[in-house]
Structures are given as structure tokens and as C-alpha cells.
Protein backbone atom coordinates (compact mmCIF):
# COMPACT_ATOMS: atom_id res chain seq x y z
CA MET A 1 52.42 156.60 51.40
CA THR A 2 50.95 159.71 53.39
CA LEU A 3 52.51 162.49 55.49
CA LEU A 4 51.60 161.06 58.55
CA ARG A 5 52.49 156.94 57.52
CA ALA A 6 56.19 158.97 55.99
CA ARG A 7 57.16 160.36 59.07
CA GLN A 8 58.52 158.47 62.81
CA MET A 9 58.73 160.22 66.05
CA GLN A 10 61.81 159.51 68.43
CA LEU A 11 62.57 160.04 71.66
CA LEU A 12 65.35 161.93 72.57
CA ALA A 13 67.42 162.62 75.61
CA TYR A 14 71.15 163.64 76.53
CA ASP A 15 73.27 163.77 79.13
CA MET A 16 76.31 165.76 78.58
CA ALA A 17 79.47 166.33 80.72
CA ASP A 18 80.59 169.35 78.66
CA PRO A 19 78.92 172.59 78.37
CA ARG A 20 80.05 173.62 74.81
CA ARG A 21 78.78 170.15 73.81
CA LEU A 22 75.79 170.40 75.59
CA ARG A 23 74.82 173.88 74.20
CA ARG A 24 75.37 172.15 69.99
CA VAL A 25 73.37 169.43 70.84
CA ALA A 26 70.05 170.95 72.64
CA GLN A 27 70.47 173.71 70.11
CA GLN A 28 70.94 170.25 66.95
CA MET A 29 67.62 168.88 69.30
CA GLU A 30 66.04 172.87 69.73
CA GLN A 31 65.84 172.99 65.39
CA ALA A 32 64.78 169.22 65.39
CA GLY A 33 61.73 169.07 68.10
CA ALA A 34 59.61 169.93 70.79
CA ARG A 35 61.42 170.08 74.13
CA LEU A 36 59.10 168.32 76.79
CA GLN A 37 61.90 169.23 79.86
CA LYS A 38 66.03 170.24 80.16
CA SER A 39 67.41 167.44 78.35
CA VAL A 40 63.80 165.77 76.80
CA PHE A 41 63.01 166.16 73.72
CA GLU A 42 60.35 164.74 70.79
CA VAL A 43 61.01 164.95 67.08
CA ALA A 44 59.29 163.91 64.81
CA ASP A 45 60.50 163.67 60.50
CA ARG A 46 61.21 161.65 57.96
CA ARG A 47 62.95 158.08 58.83
CA GLU A 48 66.12 159.42 56.32
CA ARG A 49 65.70 163.17 58.02
CA LEU A 50 66.25 161.46 62.15
CA ALA A 51 69.12 159.40 60.80
CA ALA A 52 70.49 162.71 59.67
CA LEU A 53 69.81 163.84 62.76
CA ALA A 54 70.93 160.70 64.18
CA THR A 55 74.64 161.38 62.26
CA ARG A 56 75.06 164.68 63.63
CA LEU A 57 74.56 164.48 66.64
CA ALA A 58 76.98 161.27 67.27
CA GLY A 59 79.26 163.54 65.52
CA LEU A 60 79.43 165.99 68.78
CA ILE A 61 79.35 164.08 71.40
CA ASP A 62 82.26 162.36 73.23
CA PRO A 63 81.11 158.53 73.32
CA ALA A 64 83.83 158.25 76.27
CA SER A 65 81.53 160.60 78.04
CA ASP A 66 78.10 161.84 76.82
CA GLN A 67 75.26 159.96 76.36
CA VAL A 68 72.13 160.59 73.50
CA LEU A 69 69.26 158.59 73.81
CA LEU A 70 66.70 158.16 70.34
CA HIS A 71 63.97 155.69 71.25
CA ALA A 72 61.31 155.27 68.58
CA CYS A 73 57.69 156.00 68.95
CA CYS A 74 55.22 153.94 67.18
CA ALA A 75 52.20 155.25 67.22
CA HIS A 76 50.46 152.10 69.31
CA CYS A 77 52.78 153.40 72.09
CA ARG A 78 51.93 156.58 71.23
CA ARG A 79 48.73 156.33 72.03
CA GLN A 80 49.85 154.85 75.85
CA THR A 81 51.48 157.07 76.43
CA ARG A 82 51.01 158.73 80.23
CA TRP A 83 51.11 162.04 81.60
CA GLN A 84 51.39 162.58 85.35
CA GLY A 85 51.55 166.17 86.09
CA ARG A 86 51.39 169.41 84.98
CA PRO A 87 50.82 167.63 80.86
CA PRO A 88 53.16 169.18 77.40
CA SER A 89 52.73 172.22 75.80
CA ALA A 90 49.66 172.18 72.98
CA ASP A 91 52.41 172.68 70.27
CA VAL A 92 54.65 169.79 71.39
CA GLU A 93 52.01 167.62 68.94
CA PRO A 94 53.73 168.06 65.54
CA PHE A 95 50.31 166.01 64.00
CA TRP A 96 47.44 163.70 64.58
CA ILE A 97 47.68 159.79 65.51
CA ILE A 98 44.70 158.28 64.04
């Protein structure tokens, strides 16, 4: 399996009730991927590392008041992505999808 096939793209978003938890979750996401908007990130990594990130995030949030969305994006879906307005910076796409 090639490196490209071993990687998966996920769209991550959060809505945190507490500023301290918000900073901790944002820090984890900044280390893992590219910020698209204030609370929206794109992360490309191996499934195992994405699962580990999800586990870390689950440990940082209060499930009663916070939300974290982890949405898998297949290569077909990525090709269908359309931007309206200012497009993301060139460094958002960490690899080519062919």
C-alpha cells in the first residue's frame, strides 16, 4: 500500500463551552492538521494516528457541553469539494489526490 493510500483525510470542527478546553483542543488540532477556519481543520494522516487523535480529543472535552466533529473525506469527496469566496492557502493540501 502506498503512502497516499495509507493516509485518510478528515475534516475536524469543534464548538467548546470552556475557553481552557477550547485552547487545548485547538492545540491538538493545530499539531495534527491545517486550520481552514477558526474552529475547522483538515487533517491527513494514517487511520491509526487519526484514531489516536480522536481518543485524545475525547479526553479533553466535556461531552455534556462540548462538540467535536470528525468527518472522514474520501478521495472522491475531496475531488468534489468546492470553495466559495477566498480559497484556503496552498499549504492546506498536504498531499495530492490522484
